[in-house]
Amino acid sequence: MPRLQIAINLYTFSVLGIFLAAVPWTPMWEQATLAFGSDVLCAWVRSGWARGAVSGLGALDLLVAAQEACVLWRSFREFR
C-alpha cells in the first residue's frame, strides 16, 4: 500500500476517533438530539450507554489509527 494512502487512513481514523470519543459527552450532543423530534428516540440517544457505544466506536477508530501509524513507521524504517 502506498505511503500516501496509509497517511490518509491514519489522519482519517485519528480525526474520526477523537471526534466520536469526545462529542457524546459535550453539550453539542444535547443540542443535536433536539432535531430528532421523538421523545423516545431523543431519550435513547441521550442515554449513557448510547453515548458509551459511540465513544467505543471512537476508541476502535483510534486503535485502527495506531495500527496505521505502525505500518507507516515500518515503511519509513524499511526505506533507509
N, C-alpha and C. Protein backbone atom coordinates (compact mmCIF):
# COMPACT_ATOMS: atom_id res chain seq x y z
N MET A 1 0.86 -1.17 0.00
CA MET A 1 0.00 0.00 0.00
C MET A 1 0.91 1.24 0.00
N PRO A 2 0.63 2.19 -0.84
CA PRO A 2 1.48 3.39 -0.88
C PRO A 2 1.41 4.18 0.43
N ARG A 3 2.50 4.85 0.72
CA ARG A 3 2.59 5.61 1.97
C ARG A 3 1.55 6.71 2.07
N LEU A 4 1.25 7.33 0.96
CA LEU A 4 0.25 8.41 0.99
C LEU A 4 -1.11 7.87 1.43
N GLN A 5 -1.49 6.70 0.94
CA GLN A 5 -2.76 6.10 1.34
C GLN A 5 -2.76 5.76 2.82
N ILE A 6 -1.64 5.25 3.31
CA ILE A 6 -1.52 4.93 4.74
C ILE A 6 -1.64 6.20 5.57
N ALA A 7 -0.98 7.27 5.13
CA ALA A 7 -1.05 8.55 5.86
C ALA A 7 -2.47 9.12 5.86
N ILE A 8 -3.17 9.00 4.75
CA ILE A 8 -4.56 9.47 4.69
C ILE A 8 -5.43 8.65 5.62
N ASN A 9 -5.24 7.34 5.64
CA ASN A 9 -6.00 6.49 6.56
C ASN A 9 -5.71 6.85 8.01
N LEU A 10 -4.43 7.07 8.31
CA LEU A 10 -4.04 7.45 9.66
C LEU A 10 -4.73 8.74 10.09
N TYR A 11 -4.70 9.74 9.23
CA TYR A 11 -5.34 11.02 9.54
C TYR A 11 -6.86 10.85 9.71
N THR A 12 -7.48 10.15 8.80
CA THR A 12 -8.94 9.99 8.83
C THR A 12 -9.39 9.27 10.10
N PHE A 13 -8.75 8.15 10.39
CA PHE A 13 -9.16 7.39 11.57
C PHE A 13 -8.84 8.14 12.86
N SER A 14 -7.76 8.90 12.88
CA SER A 14 -7.42 9.67 14.08
C SER A 14 -8.47 10.75 14.35
N VAL A 15 -8.78 11.52 13.33
CA VAL A 15 -9.75 12.61 13.50
C VAL A 15 -11.13 12.06 13.85
N LEU A 16 -11.55 11.03 13.13
CA LEU A 16 -12.86 10.45 13.41
C LEU A 16 -12.91 9.84 14.80
N GLY A 17 -11.84 9.19 15.21
CA GLY A 17 -11.80 8.58 16.53
C GLY A 17 -11.87 9.61 17.64
N ILE A 18 -11.12 10.68 17.51
CA ILE A 18 -11.15 11.73 18.53
C ILE A 18 -12.55 12.36 18.58
N PHE A 19 -13.13 12.61 17.41
CA PHE A 19 -14.45 13.21 17.35
C PHE A 19 -15.49 12.30 18.02
N LEU A 20 -15.51 11.03 17.64
CA LEU A 20 -16.52 10.12 18.18
C LEU A 20 -16.31 9.83 19.66
N ALA A 21 -15.08 9.87 20.12
CA ALA A 21 -14.83 9.60 21.53
C ALA A 21 -15.24 10.80 22.41
N ALA A 22 -15.13 12.00 21.88
CA ALA A 22 -15.34 13.18 22.70
C ALA A 22 -16.74 13.79 22.60
N VAL A 23 -17.31 13.82 21.42
CA VAL A 23 -18.55 14.57 21.20
C VAL A 23 -19.75 14.09 22.02
N PRO A 24 -19.95 12.78 22.23
CA PRO A 24 -21.14 12.39 23.01
C PRO A 24 -21.18 12.95 24.42
N TRP A 25 -20.10 13.45 24.93
CA TRP A 25 -20.05 13.93 26.31
C TRP A 25 -20.02 15.46 26.37
N THR A 26 -20.30 16.13 25.25
CA THR A 26 -20.30 17.59 25.21
C THR A 26 -21.73 18.11 25.09
N PRO A 27 -21.94 19.40 25.36
CA PRO A 27 -23.28 19.98 25.19
C PRO A 27 -23.76 19.94 23.74
N MET A 28 -22.84 19.85 22.79
CA MET A 28 -23.24 19.77 21.38
C MET A 28 -24.10 18.54 21.12
N TRP A 29 -23.83 17.44 21.82
CA TRP A 29 -24.62 16.22 21.67
C TRP A 29 -26.06 16.46 22.13
N GLU A 30 -26.21 17.19 23.22
CA GLU A 30 -27.55 17.50 23.73
C GLU A 30 -28.33 18.35 22.72
N GLN A 31 -27.68 19.33 22.14
CA GLN A 31 -28.35 20.21 21.18
C GLN A 31 -28.69 19.48 19.90
N ALA A 32 -27.83 18.58 19.46
CA ALA A 32 -28.06 17.86 18.21
C ALA A 32 -29.22 16.88 18.33
N THR A 33 -29.46 16.36 19.53
CA THR A 33 -30.53 15.39 19.69
C THR A 33 -31.91 16.05 19.68
N LEU A 34 -31.98 17.34 19.82
CA LEU A 34 -33.27 18.02 19.77
C LEU A 34 -33.92 17.91 18.40
N ALA A 35 -33.11 17.67 17.36
CA ALA A 35 -33.63 17.59 16.00
C ALA A 35 -34.38 16.30 15.73
N PHE A 36 -34.28 15.30 16.61
CA PHE A 36 -34.94 14.03 16.37
C PHE A 36 -36.45 14.13 16.47
N GLY A 37 -36.96 15.00 17.30
CA GLY A 37 -38.39 15.21 17.41
C GLY A 37 -39.09 14.22 18.32
N SER A 38 -38.80 12.96 18.20
CA SER A 38 -39.44 11.93 19.02
C SER A 38 -38.80 11.91 20.41
N ASP A 39 -39.63 11.95 21.44
CA ASP A 39 -39.12 11.93 22.81
C ASP A 39 -38.42 10.61 23.13
N VAL A 40 -38.96 9.52 22.60
CA VAL A 40 -38.37 8.21 22.88
C VAL A 40 -36.99 8.10 22.24
N LEU A 41 -36.89 8.50 20.98
CA LEU A 41 -35.60 8.44 20.28
C LEU A 41 -34.59 9.40 20.90
N CYS A 42 -35.06 10.56 21.27
CA CYS A 42 -34.20 11.56 21.90
C CYS A 42 -33.66 11.03 23.23
N ALA A 43 -34.51 10.40 24.03
CA ALA A 43 -34.07 9.85 25.31
C ALA A 43 -33.10 8.69 25.10
N TRP A 44 -33.33 7.89 24.07
CA TRP A 44 -32.45 6.76 23.77
C TRP A 44 -31.05 7.24 23.38
N VAL A 45 -30.98 8.27 22.53
CA VAL A 45 -29.68 8.78 22.08
C VAL A 45 -28.96 9.49 23.21
N ARG A 46 -29.69 10.08 24.14
CA ARG A 46 -29.06 10.79 25.26
C ARG A 46 -28.67 9.86 26.40
N SER A 47 -29.04 8.59 26.32
CA SER A 47 -28.72 7.67 27.41
C SER A 47 -27.21 7.43 27.49
N GLY A 48 -26.78 7.05 28.65
CA GLY A 48 -25.35 6.85 28.88
C GLY A 48 -24.77 5.71 28.07
N TRP A 49 -25.53 4.64 27.89
CA TRP A 49 -24.97 3.51 27.15
C TRP A 49 -24.90 3.80 25.66
N ALA A 50 -25.80 4.62 25.10
CA ALA A 50 -25.69 5.01 23.69
C ALA A 50 -24.47 5.92 23.49
N ARG A 51 -24.26 6.82 24.42
CA ARG A 51 -23.06 7.67 24.35
C ARG A 51 -21.80 6.83 24.47
N GLY A 52 -21.83 5.85 25.37
CA GLY A 52 -20.69 4.97 25.53
C GLY A 52 -20.42 4.14 24.28
N ALA A 53 -21.48 3.72 23.60
CA ALA A 53 -21.31 2.95 22.37
C ALA A 53 -20.64 3.80 21.29
N VAL A 54 -21.05 5.04 21.16
CA VAL A 54 -20.44 5.94 20.18
C VAL A 54 -18.99 6.21 20.56
N SER A 55 -18.73 6.41 21.84
CA SER A 55 -17.35 6.62 22.29
C SER A 55 -16.51 5.37 22.06
N GLY A 56 -17.12 4.21 22.21
CA GLY A 56 -16.41 2.95 21.93
C GLY A 56 -16.02 2.84 20.47
N LEU A 57 -16.89 3.29 19.58
CA LEU A 57 -16.53 3.31 18.16
C LEU A 57 -15.36 4.25 17.92
N GLY A 58 -15.35 5.36 18.65
CA GLY A 58 -14.22 6.27 18.54
C GLY A 58 -12.93 5.63 19.02
N ALA A 59 -13.02 4.86 20.10
CA ALA A 59 -11.83 4.16 20.60
C ALA A 59 -11.34 3.13 19.60
N LEU A 60 -12.26 2.43 18.94
CA LEU A 60 -11.86 1.48 17.90
C LEU A 60 -11.18 2.20 16.73
N ASP A 61 -11.70 3.35 16.36
CA ASP A 61 -11.05 4.13 15.30
C ASP A 61 -9.64 4.54 15.71
N LEU A 62 -9.46 4.89 16.96
CA LEU A 62 -8.12 5.26 17.43
C LEU A 62 -7.18 4.06 17.42
N LEU A 63 -7.70 2.87 17.70
CA LEU A 63 -6.87 1.67 17.60
C LEU A 63 -6.45 1.40 16.16
N VAL A 64 -7.37 1.57 15.23
CA VAL A 64 -7.03 1.40 13.81
C VAL A 64 -5.99 2.44 13.39
N ALA A 65 -6.14 3.66 13.87
CA ALA A 65 -5.17 4.71 13.57
C ALA A 65 -3.79 4.34 14.12
N ALA A 66 -3.74 3.76 15.30
CA ALA A 66 -2.46 3.34 15.86
C ALA A 66 -1.82 2.24 15.02
N GLN A 67 -2.64 1.32 14.52
CA GLN A 67 -2.11 0.28 13.63
C GLN A 67 -1.58 0.88 12.34
N GLU A 68 -2.30 1.84 11.79
CA GLU A 68 -1.84 2.50 10.57
C GLU A 68 -0.53 3.26 10.82
N ALA A 69 -0.40 3.85 12.01
CA ALA A 69 0.83 4.55 12.35
C ALA A 69 2.00 3.57 12.42
N CYS A 70 1.76 2.38 12.95
CA CYS A 70 2.82 1.37 13.00
C CYS A 70 3.22 0.94 11.59
N VAL A 71 2.25 0.75 10.72
CA VAL A 71 2.55 0.37 9.34
C VAL A 71 3.34 1.47 8.65
N LEU A 72 2.95 2.71 8.85
CA LEU A 72 3.67 3.83 8.25
C LEU A 72 5.08 3.93 8.80
N TRP A 73 5.22 3.75 10.11
CA TRP A 73 6.55 3.81 10.72
C TRP A 73 7.46 2.70 10.16
N ARG A 74 6.92 1.47 10.01
CA ARG A 74 7.71 0.38 9.45
C ARG A 74 8.12 0.66 8.01
N SER A 75 7.24 1.28 7.24
CA SER A 75 7.58 1.57 5.85
C SER A 75 8.70 2.61 5.77
N PHE A 76 8.73 3.55 6.70
CA PHE A 76 9.83 4.52 6.72
C PHE A 76 11.13 3.88 7.18
N ARG A 77 11.05 2.97 8.11
CA ARG A 77 12.26 2.29 8.61
C ARG A 77 12.85 1.38 7.54
N GLU A 78 11.99 0.73 6.74
CA GLU A 78 12.49 -0.13 5.66
C GLU A 78 13.08 0.67 4.52
N PHE A 79 12.69 1.89 4.39
CA PHE A 79 13.15 2.74 3.30
C PHE A 79 14.64 3.07 3.45
N ARG A 80 15.11 3.15 4.70
CA ARG A 80 16.51 3.52 4.93
C ARG A 80 17.46 2.55 4.40
